[in-house]
Amino acid sequence: MFDIQFYKDKNGHSDIIDYLDELKEKAKTNKDAKINREKILTYLKALAEYGTRIGSPIVKHIDGSIWELRPLKNRIFFFYWKDNKFVLLHYYIKKSQKAPVKEIDKARKNLREFLERTDKS
């Protein structure tokens, strides 16, 4: 069993948590938002249960230590952190076949910031 942690910037903000909250609010009146949120939460539970062994199409290795969780058209970048933890770094909504470089770069930036802040504490 793995723990799931959300990356938060230096101000304590997580775009993934904000997105899930937004979907929760929209789900009250929008069936697609409800399905989308439930699928993301199901994939997060699967990641917590099986880790990256769950394989494709649920997870995909992207680069170095960065992996991608793939619920529907949502993409959530994450990495394995010590003590059986996954840290969710960044999300985007898929619009093309290949992950955009700017989205991968954002995940790398968040990973670097996370490691720098964690090493200082």
PDB file of N, CA and C in Angstrom:
ATOM      1  N   MET A   1       0.838  -1.185   0.000  1.00  0.00           N
ATOM      2  CA  MET A   1       0.000   0.000   0.000  1.00  0.00           C
ATOM      3  C   MET A   1       0.883   1.249   0.000  1.00  0.00           C
ATOM      4  N   PHE A   2       0.497   2.225  -0.793  1.00  0.00           N
ATOM      5  CA  PHE A   2       1.251   3.465  -0.929  1.00  0.00           C
ATOM      6  C   PHE A   2       0.406   4.641  -0.442  1.00  0.00           C
ATOM      7  N   ASP A   3       1.084   5.680   0.012  1.00  0.00           N
ATOM      8  CA  ASP A   3       0.400   6.926   0.364  1.00  0.00           C
ATOM      9  C   ASP A   3       0.459   7.863  -0.832  1.00  0.00           C
ATOM     10  N   ILE A   4      -0.571   8.671  -0.984  1.00  0.00           N
ATOM     11  CA  ILE A   4      -0.625   9.665  -2.045  1.00  0.00           C
ATOM     12  C   ILE A   4      -0.505  11.039  -1.401  1.00  0.00           C
ATOM     13  N   GLN A   5       0.416  11.832  -1.901  1.00  0.00           N
ATOM     14  CA  GLN A   5       0.620  13.187  -1.392  1.00  0.00           C
ATOM     15  C   GLN A   5       0.484  14.156  -2.562  1.00  0.00           C
ATOM     16  N   PHE A   6      -0.106  15.298  -2.323  1.00  0.00           N
ATOM     17  CA  PHE A   6      -0.268  16.317  -3.360  1.00  0.00           C
ATOM     18  C   PHE A   6       0.860  17.330  -3.247  1.00  0.00           C
ATOM     19  N   TYR A   7       1.511  17.612  -4.376  1.00  0.00           N
ATOM     20  CA  TYR A   7       2.510  18.675  -4.400  1.00  0.00           C
ATOM     21  C   TYR A   7       1.817  19.997  -4.107  1.00  0.00           C
ATOM     22  N   LYS A   8       2.425  20.782  -3.228  1.00  0.00           N
ATOM     23  CA  LYS A   8       1.936  22.136  -2.948  1.00  0.00           C
ATOM     24  C   LYS A   8       3.093  23.098  -3.160  1.00  0.00           C
ATOM     25  N   ASP A   9       2.804  24.207  -3.815  1.00  0.00           N
ATOM     26  CA  ASP A   9       3.856  25.187  -4.056  1.00  0.00           C
ATOM     27  C   ASP A   9       4.242  25.872  -2.745  1.00  0.00           C
ATOM     28  N   LYS A  10       5.161  26.819  -2.826  1.00  0.00           N
ATOM     29  CA  LYS A  10       5.660  27.463  -1.606  1.00  0.00           C
ATOM     30  C   LYS A  10       4.574  28.208  -0.837  1.00  0.00           C
ATOM     31  N   ASN A  11       3.456  28.502  -1.514  1.00  0.00           N
ATOM     32  CA  ASN A  11       2.329  29.173  -0.853  1.00  0.00           C
ATOM     33  C   ASN A  11       1.284  28.186  -0.334  1.00  0.00           C
ATOM     34  N   GLY A  12       1.564  26.887  -0.467  1.00  0.00           N
ATOM     35  CA  GLY A  12       0.636  25.868   0.021  1.00  0.00           C
ATOM     36  C   GLY A  12      -0.502  25.554  -0.938  1.00  0.00           C
ATOM     37  N   HIS A  13      -0.352  25.922  -2.199  1.00  0.00           N
ATOM     38  CA  HIS A  13      -1.404  25.752  -3.209  1.00  0.00           C
ATOM     39  C   HIS A  13      -1.153  24.494  -4.046  1.00  0.00           C
ATOM     40  N   SER A  14      -2.209  23.720  -4.295  1.00  0.00           N
ATOM     41  CA  SER A  14      -2.132  22.537  -5.157  1.00  0.00           C
ATOM     42  C   SER A  14      -3.149  22.677  -6.282  1.00  0.00           C
ATOM     43  N   ASP A  15      -2.670  22.713  -7.527  1.00  0.00           N
ATOM     44  CA  ASP A  15      -3.604  22.821  -8.652  1.00  0.00           C
ATOM     45  C   ASP A  15      -4.444  21.555  -8.801  1.00  0.00           C
ATOM     46  N   ILE A  16      -3.926  20.421  -8.368  1.00  0.00           N
ATOM     47  CA  ILE A  16      -4.681  19.164  -8.467  1.00  0.00           C
ATOM     48  C   ILE A  16      -5.850  19.169  -7.476  1.00  0.00           C
ATOM     49  N   ILE A  17      -5.602  19.597  -6.260  1.00  0.00           N
ATOM     50  CA  ILE A  17      -6.681  19.688  -5.270  1.00  0.00           C
ATOM     51  C   ILE A  17      -7.739  20.682  -5.742  1.00  0.00           C
ATOM     52  N   ASP A  18      -7.286  21.813  -6.282  1.00  0.00           N
ATOM     53  CA  ASP A  18      -8.239  22.806  -6.806  1.00  0.00           C
ATOM     54  C   ASP A  18      -9.102  22.207  -7.912  1.00  0.00           C
ATOM     55  N   TYR A  19      -8.482  21.436  -8.792  1.00  0.00           N
ATOM     56  CA  TYR A  19      -9.217  20.820  -9.896  1.00  0.00           C
ATOM     57  C   TYR A  19     -10.253  19.820  -9.372  1.00  0.00           C
ATOM     58  N   LEU A  20      -9.854  18.993  -8.402  1.00  0.00           N
ATOM     59  CA  LEU A  20     -10.794  18.029  -7.820  1.00  0.00           C
ATOM     60  C   LEU A  20     -11.952  18.741  -7.115  1.00  0.00           C
ATOM     61  N   ASP A  21     -11.648  19.834  -6.429  1.00  0.00           N
ATOM     62  CA  ASP A  21     -12.707  20.620  -5.778  1.00  0.00           C
ATOM     63  C   ASP A  21     -13.652  21.226  -6.811  1.00  0.00           C
ATOM     64  N   GLU A  22     -13.080  21.715  -7.901  1.00  0.00           N
ATOM     65  CA  GLU A  22     -13.893  22.289  -8.981  1.00  0.00           C
ATOM     66  C   GLU A  22     -14.817  21.229  -9.582  1.00  0.00           C
ATOM     67  N   LEU A  23     -14.269  20.031  -9.817  1.00  0.00           N
ATOM     68  CA  LEU A  23     -15.091  18.943 -10.351  1.00  0.00           C
ATOM     69  C   LEU A  23     -16.191  18.545  -9.371  1.00  0.00           C
ATOM     70  N   LYS A  24     -15.857  18.548  -8.082  1.00  0.00           N
ATOM     71  CA  LYS A  24     -16.856  18.195  -7.063  1.00  0.00           C
ATOM     72  C   LYS A  24     -18.028  19.166  -7.107  1.00  0.00           C
ATOM     73  N   GLU A  25     -17.720  20.437  -7.244  1.00  0.00           N
ATOM     74  CA  GLU A  25     -18.772  21.457  -7.312  1.00  0.00           C
ATOM     75  C   GLU A  25     -19.597  21.297  -8.591  1.00  0.00           C
ATOM     76  N   LYS A  26     -18.923  21.101  -9.715  1.00  0.00           N
ATOM     77  CA  LYS A  26     -19.622  20.939 -10.996  1.00  0.00           C
ATOM     78  C   LYS A  26     -20.443  19.654 -11.032  1.00  0.00           C
ATOM     79  N   ALA A  27     -19.983  18.635 -10.311  1.00  0.00           N
ATOM     80  CA  ALA A  27     -20.649  17.326 -10.323  1.00  0.00           C
ATOM     81  C   ALA A  27     -22.073  17.393  -9.777  1.00  0.00           C
ATOM     82  N   LYS A  28     -22.376  18.432  -9.033  1.00  0.00           N
ATOM     83  CA  LYS A  28     -23.728  18.581  -8.491  1.00  0.00           C
ATOM     84  C   LYS A  28     -24.760  18.746  -9.602  1.00  0.00           C
ATOM     85  N   THR A  29     -24.329  19.319 -10.722  1.00  0.00           N
ATOM     86  CA  THR A  29     -25.265  19.575 -11.825  1.00  0.00           C
ATOM     87  C   THR A  29     -24.794  19.028 -13.165  1.00  0.00           C
ATOM     88  N   ASN A  30     -23.591  18.447 -13.200  1.00  0.00           N
ATOM     89  CA  ASN A  30     -23.019  18.021 -14.471  1.00  0.00           C
ATOM     90  C   ASN A  30     -22.557  16.566 -14.373  1.00  0.00           C
ATOM     91  N   LYS A  31     -23.192  15.698 -15.128  1.00  0.00           N
ATOM     92  CA  LYS A  31     -22.880  14.268 -15.082  1.00  0.00           C
ATOM     93  C   LYS A  31     -21.445  13.987 -15.527  1.00  0.00           C
ATOM     94  N   ASP A  32     -20.967  14.677 -16.573  1.00  0.00           N
ATOM     95  CA  ASP A  32     -19.599  14.460 -17.053  1.00  0.00           C
ATOM     96  C   ASP A  32     -18.568  14.795 -15.976  1.00  0.00           C
ATOM     97  N   ALA A  33     -18.785  15.880 -15.255  1.00  0.00           N
ATOM     98  CA  ALA A  33     -17.870  16.262 -14.177  1.00  0.00           C
ATOM     99  C   ALA A  33     -17.865  15.201 -13.082  1.00  0.00           C
ATOM    100  N   LYS A  34     -19.032  14.660 -12.783  1.00  0.00           N
ATOM    101  CA  LYS A  34     -19.132  13.610 -11.761  1.00  0.00           C
ATOM    102  C   LYS A  34     -18.361  12.363 -12.195  1.00  0.00           C
ATOM    103  N   ILE A  35     -18.553  11.944 -13.439  1.00  0.00           N
ATOM    104  CA  ILE A  35     -17.851  10.770 -13.966  1.00  0.00           C
ATOM    105  C   ILE A  35     -16.349  11.017 -13.968  1.00  0.00           C
ATOM    106  N   ASN A  36     -15.952  12.200 -14.401  1.00  0.00           N
ATOM    107  CA  ASN A  36     -14.544  12.568 -14.467  1.00  0.00           C
ATOM    108  C   ASN A  36     -13.887  12.497 -13.089  1.00  0.00           C
ATOM    109  N   ARG A  37     -14.523  13.101 -12.102  1.00  0.00           N
ATOM    110  CA  ARG A  37     -13.981  13.110 -10.736  1.00  0.00           C
ATOM    111  C   ARG A  37     -13.912  11.694 -10.164  1.00  0.00           C
ATOM    112  N   GLU A  38     -14.964  10.922 -10.362  1.00  0.00           N
ATOM    113  CA  GLU A  38     -14.975   9.548  -9.848  1.00  0.00           C
ATOM    114  C   GLU A  38     -13.882   8.706 -10.495  1.00  0.00           C
ATOM    115  N   LYS A  39     -13.653   8.902 -11.778  1.00  0.00           N
ATOM    116  CA  LYS A  39     -12.598   8.154 -12.478  1.00  0.00           C
ATOM    117  C   LYS A  39     -11.223   8.532 -11.921  1.00  0.00           C
ATOM    118  N   ILE A  40     -10.993   9.821 -11.703  1.00  0.00           N
ATOM    119  CA  ILE A  40      -9.712  10.258 -11.130  1.00  0.00           C
ATOM    120  C   ILE A  40      -9.514   9.632  -9.753  1.00  0.00           C
ATOM    121  N   LEU A  41     -10.529   9.684  -8.908  1.00  0.00           N
ATOM    122  CA  LEU A  41     -10.412   9.119  -7.557  1.00  0.00           C
ATOM    123  C   LEU A  41     -10.198   7.610  -7.600  1.00  0.00           C
ATOM    124  N   THR A  42     -10.843   6.927  -8.536  1.00  0.00           N
ATOM    125  CA  THR A  42     -10.650   5.481  -8.698  1.00  0.00           C
ATOM    126  C   THR A  42      -9.211   5.177  -9.097  1.00  0.00           C
ATOM    127  N   TYR A  43      -8.664   5.949 -10.024  1.00  0.00           N
ATOM    128  CA  TYR A  43      -7.279   5.751 -10.453  1.00  0.00           C
ATOM    129  C   TYR A  43      -6.304   6.053  -9.315  1.00  0.00           C
ATOM    130  N   LEU A  44      -6.603   7.068  -8.512  1.00  0.00           N
ATOM    131  CA  LEU A  44      -5.739   7.371  -7.365  1.00  0.00           C
ATOM    132  C   LEU A  44      -5.755   6.225  -6.358  1.00  0.00           C
ATOM    133  N   LYS A  45      -6.922   5.632  -6.137  1.00  0.00           N
ATOM    134  CA  LYS A  45      -7.012   4.469  -5.240  1.00  0.00           C
ATOM    135  C   LYS A  45      -6.217   3.293  -5.798  1.00  0.00           C
ATOM    136  N   ALA A  46      -6.299   3.079  -7.105  1.00  0.00           N
ATOM    137  CA  ALA A  46      -5.543   1.993  -7.736  1.00  0.00           C
ATOM    138  C   ALA A  46      -4.042   2.239  -7.606  1.00  0.00           C
ATOM    139  N   LEU A  47      -3.608   3.485  -7.787  1.00  0.00           N
ATOM    140  CA  LEU A  47      -2.194   3.824  -7.624  1.00  0.00           C
ATOM    141  C   LEU A  47      -1.758   3.564  -6.188  1.00  0.00           C
ATOM    142  N   ALA A  48      -2.583   3.942  -5.223  1.00  0.00           N
ATOM    143  CA  ALA A  48      -2.262   3.713  -3.815  1.00  0.00           C
ATOM    144  C   ALA A  48      -2.182   2.224  -3.498  1.00  0.00           C
ATOM    145  N   GLU A  49      -3.012   1.436  -4.138  1.00  0.00           N
ATOM    146  CA  GLU A  49      -3.053  -0.005  -3.877  1.00  0.00           C
ATOM    147  C   GLU A  49      -1.921  -0.763  -4.575  1.00  0.00           C
ATOM    148  N   TYR A  50      -1.687  -0.481  -5.837  1.00  0.00           N
ATOM    149  CA  TYR A  50      -0.773  -1.295  -6.647  1.00  0.00           C
ATOM    150  C   TYR A  50       0.502  -0.590  -7.085  1.00  0.00           C
ATOM    151  N   GLY A  51       0.575   0.710  -6.922  1.00  0.00           N
ATOM    152  CA  GLY A  51       1.743   1.444  -7.389  1.00  0.00           C
ATOM    153  C   GLY A  51       1.841   1.419  -8.904  1.00  0.00           C
ATOM    154  N   THR A  52       3.032   1.620  -9.417  1.00  0.00           N
ATOM    155  CA  THR A  52       3.220   1.666 -10.872  1.00  0.00           C
ATOM    156  C   THR A  52       3.104   0.288 -11.512  1.00  0.00           C
ATOM    157  N   ARG A  53       3.061  -0.761 -10.699  1.00  0.00           N
ATOM    158  CA  ARG A  53       2.891  -2.123 -11.251  1.00  0.00           C
ATOM    159  C   ARG A  53       1.558  -2.275 -11.965  1.00  0.00           C
ATOM    160  N   ILE A  54       0.626  -1.388 -11.691  1.00  0.00           N
ATOM    161  CA  ILE A  54      -0.693  -1.484 -12.320  1.00  0.00           C
ATOM    162  C   ILE A  54      -0.581  -1.363 -13.835  1.00  0.00           C
ATOM    163  N   GLY A  55       0.436  -0.652 -14.305  1.00  0.00           N
ATOM    164  CA  GLY A  55       0.758  -0.599 -15.729  1.00  0.00           C
ATOM    165  C   GLY A  55      -0.228   0.153 -16.606  1.00  0.00           C
ATOM    166  N   SER A  56       0.015  -0.005 -17.893  1.00  0.00           N
ATOM    167  CA  SER A  56      -0.790   0.666 -18.913  1.00  0.00           C
ATOM    168  C   SER A  56      -2.152  -0.010 -19.020  1.00  0.00           C
ATOM    169  N   PRO A  57      -3.192   0.704 -19.266  1.00  0.00           N
ATOM    170  CA  PRO A  57      -3.284   2.117 -19.646  1.00  0.00           C
ATOM    171  C   PRO A  57      -3.462   3.068 -18.467  1.00  0.00           C
ATOM    172  N   ILE A  58      -3.367   2.582 -17.244  1.00  0.00           N
ATOM    173  CA  ILE A  58      -3.622   3.442 -16.082  1.00  0.00           C
ATOM    174  C   ILE A  58      -2.431   4.345 -15.776  1.00  0.00           C
ATOM    175  N   VAL A  59      -1.230   3.796 -15.835  1.00  0.00           N
ATOM    176  CA  VAL A  59      -0.032   4.612 -15.634  1.00  0.00           C
ATOM    177  C   VAL A  59       0.939   4.403 -16.785  1.00  0.00           C
ATOM    178  N   LYS A  60       1.762   5.407 -16.999  1.00  0.00           N
ATOM    179  CA  LYS A  60       2.775   5.335 -18.048  1.00  0.00           C
ATOM    180  C   LYS A  60       4.019   6.053 -17.546  1.00  0.00           C
ATOM    181  N   HIS A  61       5.194   5.438 -17.788  1.00  0.00           N
ATOM    182  CA  HIS A  61       6.447   6.094 -17.433  1.00  0.00           C
ATOM    183  C   HIS A  61       6.729   7.177 -18.468  1.00  0.00           C
ATOM    184  N   ILE A  62       7.055   8.371 -18.010  1.00  0.00           N
ATOM    185  CA  ILE A  62       7.296   9.494 -18.915  1.00  0.00           C
ATOM    186  C   ILE A  62       8.778   9.738 -19.117  1.00  0.00           C
ATOM    187  N   ASP A  63       9.494   9.960 -18.004  1.00  0.00           N
ATOM    188  CA  ASP A  63      10.886  10.371 -18.129  1.00  0.00           C
ATOM    189  C   ASP A  63      11.530  10.356 -16.746  1.00  0.00           C
ATOM    190  N   GLY A  64      12.706   9.780 -16.634  1.00  0.00           N
ATOM    191  CA  GLY A  64      13.390   9.784 -15.347  1.00  0.00           C
ATOM    192  C   GLY A  64      12.511   9.208 -14.260  1.00  0.00           C
ATOM    193  N   SER A  65      12.222  10.001 -13.242  1.00  0.00           N
ATOM    194  CA  SER A  65      11.383   9.520 -12.137  1.00  0.00           C
ATOM    195  C   SER A  65       9.918   9.934 -12.296  1.00  0.00           C
ATOM    196  N   ILE A  66       9.585  10.572 -13.411  1.00  0.00           N
ATOM    197  CA  ILE A  66       8.217  11.066 -13.606  1.00  0.00           C
ATOM    198  C   ILE A  66       7.353  10.040 -14.332  1.00  0.00           C
ATOM    199  N   TRP A  67       6.178   9.813 -13.752  1.00  0.00           N
ATOM    200  CA  TRP A  67       5.160   8.924 -14.308  1.00  0.00           C
ATOM    201  C   TRP A  67       3.894   9.729 -14.558  1.00  0.00           C
ATOM    202  N   GLU A  68       2.974   9.118 -15.294  1.00  0.00           N
ATOM    203  CA  GLU A  68       1.722   9.783 -15.637  1.00  0.00           C
ATOM    204  C   GLU A  68       0.550   8.867 -15.292  1.00  0.00           C
ATOM    205  N   LEU A  69      -0.391   9.388 -14.536  1.00  0.00           N
ATOM    206  CA  LEU A  69      -1.655   8.706 -14.262  1.00  0.00           C
ATOM    207  C   LEU A  69      -2.635   9.172 -15.332  1.00  0.00           C
ATOM    208  N   ARG A  70      -3.443   8.236 -15.896  1.00  0.00           N
ATOM    209  CA  ARG A  70      -4.178   8.548 -17.115  1.00  0.00           C
ATOM    210  C   ARG A  70      -5.688   8.304 -17.053  1.00  0.00           C
ATOM    211  N   PRO A  71      -6.400   8.934 -16.127  1.00  0.00           N
ATOM    212  CA  PRO A  71      -7.856   8.750 -16.103  1.00  0.00           C
ATOM    213  C   PRO A  71      -8.550   9.580 -17.191  1.00  0.00           C
ATOM    214  N   LEU A  72      -9.254   8.889 -18.084  1.00  0.00           N
ATOM    215  CA  LEU A  72      -9.955   9.538 -19.196  1.00  0.00           C
ATOM    216  C   LEU A  72      -9.005  10.483 -19.928  1.00  0.00           C
ATOM    217  N   LYS A  73      -9.377  11.740 -20.098  1.00  0.00           N
ATOM    218  CA  LYS A  73      -8.491  12.690 -20.787  1.00  0.00           C
ATOM    219  C   LYS A  73      -7.627  13.489 -19.815  1.00  0.00           C
ATOM    220  N   ASN A  74      -7.715  13.175 -18.543  1.00  0.00           N
ATOM    221  CA  ASN A  74      -6.883  13.835 -17.539  1.00  0.00           C
ATOM    222  C   ASN A  74      -5.524  13.160 -17.491  1.00  0.00           C
ATOM    223  N   ARG A  75      -4.510  13.944 -17.239  1.00  0.00           N
ATOM    224  CA  ARG A  75      -3.170  13.416 -17.045  1.00  0.00           C
ATOM    225  C   ARG A  75      -2.612  14.038 -15.773  1.00  0.00           C
ATOM    226  N   ILE A  76      -2.127  13.170 -14.879  1.00  0.00           N
ATOM    227  CA  ILE A  76      -1.568  13.630 -13.612  1.00  0.00           C
ATOM    228  C   ILE A  76      -0.152  13.077 -13.501  1.00  0.00           C
ATOM    229  N   PHE A  77       0.824  13.982 -13.487  1.00  0.00           N
ATOM    230  CA  PHE A  77       2.216  13.567 -13.336  1.00  0.00           C
ATOM    231  C   PHE A  77       2.511  13.332 -11.862  1.00  0.00           C
ATOM    232  N   PHE A  78       3.320  12.302 -11.598  1.00  0.00           N
ATOM    233  CA  PHE A  78       3.674  11.973 -10.222  1.00  0.00           C
ATOM    234  C   PHE A  78       5.041  11.308 -10.200  1.00  0.00           C
ATOM    235  N   PHE A  79       5.600  11.178  -9.003  1.00  0.00           N
ATOM    236  CA  PHE A  79       6.842  10.427  -8.835  1.00  0.00           C
ATOM    237  C   PHE A  79       6.794   9.674  -7.514  1.00  0.00           C
ATOM    238  N   TYR A  80       7.641   8.646  -7.437  1.00  0.00           N
ATOM    239  CA  TYR A  80       7.746   7.858  -6.207  1.00  0.00           C
ATOM    240  C   TYR A  80       8.668   8.595  -5.255  1.00  0.00           C
ATOM    241  N   TRP A  81       8.221   8.726  -4.018  1.00  0.00           N
ATOM    242  CA  TRP A  81       9.009   9.368  -2.984  1.00  0.00           C
ATOM    243  C   TRP A  81       9.240   8.351  -1.884  1.00  0.00           C
ATOM    244  N   LYS A  82      10.229   8.554  -1.073  1.00  0.00           N
ATOM    245  CA  LYS A  82      10.596   7.584  -0.041  1.00  0.00           C
ATOM    246  C   LYS A  82       9.421   7.194   0.851  1.00  0.00           C
ATOM    247  N   ASP A  83       9.593   6.099   1.543  1.00  0.00           N
ATOM    248  CA  ASP A  83       8.594   5.577   2.483  1.00  0.00           C
ATOM    249  C   ASP A  83       7.251   5.272   1.819  1.00  0.00           C
ATOM    250  N   ASN A  84       7.314   4.650   0.637  1.00  0.00           N
ATOM    251  CA  ASN A  84       6.097   4.224  -0.080  1.00  0.00           C
ATOM    252  C   ASN A  84       5.108   5.360  -0.321  1.00  0.00           C
ATOM    253  N   LYS A  85       5.611   6.460  -0.837  1.00  0.00           N
ATOM    254  CA  LYS A  85       4.769   7.620  -1.130  1.00  0.00           C
ATOM    255  C   LYS A  85       4.864   7.978  -2.599  1.00  0.00           C
ATOM    256  N   PHE A  86       3.730   8.365  -3.160  1.00  0.00           N
ATOM    257  CA  PHE A  86       3.712   8.984  -4.480  1.00  0.00           C
ATOM    258  C   PHE A  86       3.315  10.437  -4.287  1.00  0.00           C
ATOM    259  N   VAL A  87       4.022  11.324  -4.970  1.00  0.00           N
ATOM    260  CA  VAL A  87       3.701  12.747  -4.915  1.00  0.00           C
ATOM    261  C   VAL A  87       3.128  13.150  -6.265  1.00  0.00           C
ATOM    262  N   LEU A  88       1.890  13.658  -6.246  1.00  0.00           N
ATOM    263  CA  LEU A  88       1.233  14.123  -7.467  1.00  0.00           C
ATOM    264  C   LEU A  88       1.720  15.535  -7.748  1.00  0.00           C
ATOM    265  N   LEU A  89       2.339  15.730  -8.909  1.00  0.00           N
ATOM    266  CA  LEU A  89       3.031  16.978  -9.209  1.00  0.00           C
ATOM    267  C   LEU A  89       2.206  18.010  -9.966  1.00  0.00           C
ATOM    268  N   HIS A  90       1.491  17.553 -10.988  1.00  0.00           N
ATOM    269  CA  HIS A  90       0.852  18.501 -11.911  1.00  0.00           C
ATOM    270  C   HIS A  90      -0.177  17.744 -12.735  1.00  0.00           C
ATOM    271  N   TYR A  91      -1.221  18.440 -13.167  1.00  0.00           N
ATOM    272  CA  TYR A  91      -2.201  17.806 -14.038  1.00  0.00           C
ATOM    273  C   TYR A  91      -2.452  18.684 -15.260  1.00  0.00           C
ATOM    274  N   TYR A  92      -2.942  18.068 -16.293  1.00  0.00           N
ATOM    275  CA  TYR A  92      -3.441  18.795 -17.457  1.00  0.00           C
ATOM    276  C   TYR A  92      -4.484  17.923 -18.132  1.00  0.00           C
ATOM    277  N   ILE A  93      -5.223  18.510 -19.052  1.00  0.00           N
ATOM    278  CA  ILE A  93      -6.228  17.766 -19.803  1.00  0.00           C
ATOM    279  C   ILE A  93      -5.668  17.489 -21.189  1.00  0.00           C
ATOM    280  N   LYS A  94      -5.644  16.228 -21.550  1.00  0.00           N
ATOM    281  CA  LYS A  94      -5.046  15.777 -22.804  1.00  0.00           C
ATOM    282  C   LYS A  94      -5.812  16.341 -24.001  1.00  0.00           C
ATOM    283  N   LYS A  95      -5.033  16.908 -24.940  1.00  0.00           N
ATOM    284  CA  LYS A  95      -5.630  17.424 -26.171  1.00  0.00           C
ATOM    285  C   LYS A  95      -4.920  16.894 -27.406  1.00  0.00           C
ATOM    286  N   SER A  96      -3.812  16.176 -27.202  1.00  0.00           N
ATOM    287  CA  SER A  96      -3.064  15.626 -28.335  1.00  0.00           C
ATOM    288  C   SER A  96      -2.518  14.254 -27.953  1.00  0.00           C
ATOM    289  N   GLN A  97      -1.976  13.549 -28.929  1.00  0.00           N
ATOM    290  CA  GLN A  97      -1.458  12.202 -28.692  1.00  0.00           C
ATOM    291  C   GLN A  97      -0.312  12.194 -27.684  1.00  0.00           C
ATOM    292  N   LYS A  98       0.600  13.139 -27.817  1.00  0.00           N
ATOM    293  CA  LYS A  98       1.807  13.157 -27.009  1.00  0.00           C
ATOM    294  C   LYS A  98       1.705  14.215 -25.910  1.00  0.00           C
ATOM    295  N   ALA A  99       2.299  13.920 -24.774  1.00  0.00           N
ATOM    296  CA  ALA A  99       2.302  14.888 -23.670  1.00  0.00           C
ATOM    297  C   ALA A  99       3.081  16.131 -24.100  1.00  0.00           C
ATOM    298  N   PRO A 100       2.471  17.315 -23.986  1.00  0.00           N
ATOM    299  CA  PRO A 100       3.169  18.545 -24.367  1.00  0.00           C
ATOM    300  C   PRO A 100       4.409  18.775 -23.500  1.00  0.00           C
ATOM    301  N   VAL A 101       5.470  19.227 -24.137  1.00  0.00           N
ATOM    302  CA  VAL A 101       6.733  19.470 -23.441  1.00  0.00           C
ATOM    303  C   VAL A 101       6.533  20.451 -22.290  1.00  0.00           C
ATOM    304  N   LYS A 102       5.719  21.487 -22.495  1.00  0.00           N
ATOM    305  CA  LYS A 102       5.524  22.480 -21.422  1.00  0.00           C
ATOM    306  C   LYS A 102       4.880  21.857 -20.185  1.00  0.00           C
ATOM    307  N   GLU A 103       4.033  20.848 -20.375  1.00  0.00           N
ATOM    308  CA  GLU A 103       3.401  20.183 -19.228  1.00  0.00           C
ATOM    309  C   GLU A 103       4.417  19.306 -18.490  1.00  0.00           C
ATOM    310  N   ILE A 104       5.250  18.609 -19.242  1.00  0.00           N
ATOM    311  CA  ILE A 104       6.305  17.789 -18.625  1.00  0.00           C
ATOM    312  C   ILE A 104       7.294  18.693 -17.897  1.00  0.00           C
ATOM    313  N   ASP A 105       7.642  19.829 -18.514  1.00  0.00           N
ATOM    314  CA  ASP A 105       8.556  20.781 -17.875  1.00  0.00           C
ATOM    315  C   ASP A 105       7.980  21.319 -16.565  1.00  0.00           C
ATOM    316  N   LYS A 106       6.681  21.563 -16.538  1.00  0.00           N
ATOM    317  CA  LYS A 106       6.023  22.033 -15.310  1.00  0.00           C
ATOM    318  C   LYS A 106       6.130  20.962 -14.214  1.00  0.00           C
ATOM    319  N   ALA A 107       5.938  19.703 -14.587  1.00  0.00           N
ATOM    320  CA  ALA A 107       6.074  18.608 -13.619  1.00  0.00           C
ATOM    321  C   ALA A 107       7.513  18.523 -13.112  1.00  0.00           C
ATOM    322  N   ARG A 108       8.485  18.666 -14.015  1.00  0.00           N
ATOM    323  CA  ARG A 108       9.904  18.640 -13.609  1.00  0.00           C
ATOM    324  C   ARG A 108      10.216  19.788 -12.641  1.00  0.00           C
ATOM    325  N   LYS A 109       9.697  20.964 -12.958  1.00  0.00           N
ATOM    326  CA  LYS A 109       9.910  22.137 -12.100  1.00  0.00           C
ATOM    327  C   LYS A 109       9.322  21.880 -10.709  1.00  0.00           C
ATOM    328  N   ASN A 110       8.115  21.361 -10.656  1.00  0.00           N
ATOM    329  CA  ASN A 110       7.490  21.060  -9.364  1.00  0.00           C
ATOM    330  C   ASN A 110       8.275  20.000  -8.602  1.00  0.00           C
ATOM    331  N   LEU A 111       8.787  19.003  -9.317  1.00  0.00           N
ATOM    332  CA  LEU A 111       9.607  17.963  -8.693  1.00  0.00           C
ATOM    333  C   LEU A 111      10.857  18.583  -8.074  1.00  0.00           C
ATOM    334  N   ARG A 112      11.557  19.433  -8.839  1.00  0.00           N
ATOM    335  CA  ARG A 112      12.766  20.094  -8.323  1.00  0.00           C
ATOM    336  C   ARG A 112      12.441  20.922  -7.078  1.00  0.00           C
ATOM    337  N   GLU A 113      11.375  21.712  -7.153  1.00  0.00           N
ATOM    338  CA  GLU A 113      10.996  22.546  -6.006  1.00  0.00           C
ATOM    339  C   GLU A 113      10.647  21.692  -4.789  1.00  0.00           C
ATOM    340  N   PHE A 114       9.934  20.603  -5.012  1.00  0.00           N
ATOM    341  CA  PHE A 114       9.570  19.707  -3.915  1.00  0.00           C
ATOM    342  C   PHE A 114      10.829  19.162  -3.243  1.00  0.00           C
ATOM    343  N   LEU A 115      11.764  18.676  -4.053  1.00  0.00           N
ATOM    344  CA  LEU A 115      12.989  18.093  -3.500  1.00  0.00           C
ATOM    345  C   LEU A 115      13.827  19.142  -2.779  1.00  0.00           C
ATOM    346  N   GLU A 116      13.922  20.342  -3.344  1.00  0.00           N
ATOM    347  CA  GLU A 116      14.690  21.409  -2.695  1.00  0.00           C
ATOM    348  C   GLU A 116      14.087  21.776  -1.343  1.00  0.00           C
ATOM    349  N   ARG A 117      12.784  21.943  -1.298  1.00  0.00           N
ATOM    350  CA  ARG A 117      12.126  22.315  -0.036  1.00  0.00           C
ATOM    351  C   ARG A 117      12.198  21.178   0.980  1.00  0.00           C
ATOM    352  N   THR A 118      12.085  19.952   0.500  1.00  0.00           N
ATOM    353  CA  THR A 118      12.116  18.797   1.398  1.00  0.00           C
ATOM    354  C   THR A 118      13.510  18.601   1.977  1.00  0.00           C
ATOM    355  N   ASP A 119      14.544  18.825   1.153  1.00  0.00           N
ATOM    356  CA  ASP A 119      15.921  18.674   1.629  1.00  0.00           C
ATOM    357  C   ASP A 119      16.272  19.712   2.693  1.00  0.00           C
ATOM    358  N   LYS A 120      15.645  20.879   2.626  1.00  0.00           N
ATOM    359  CA  LYS A 120      15.926  21.947   3.592  1.00  0.00           C
ATOM    360  C   LYS A 120      15.249  21.705   4.935  1.00  0.00           C
ATOM    361  N   SER A 121      14.192  20.885   4.930  1.00  0.00           N
ATOM    362  CA  SER A 121      13.476  20.677   6.199  1.00  0.00           C
ATOM    363  C   SER A 121      13.972  19.483   6.950  1.00  0.00           C
TER     364      SER A 121
END
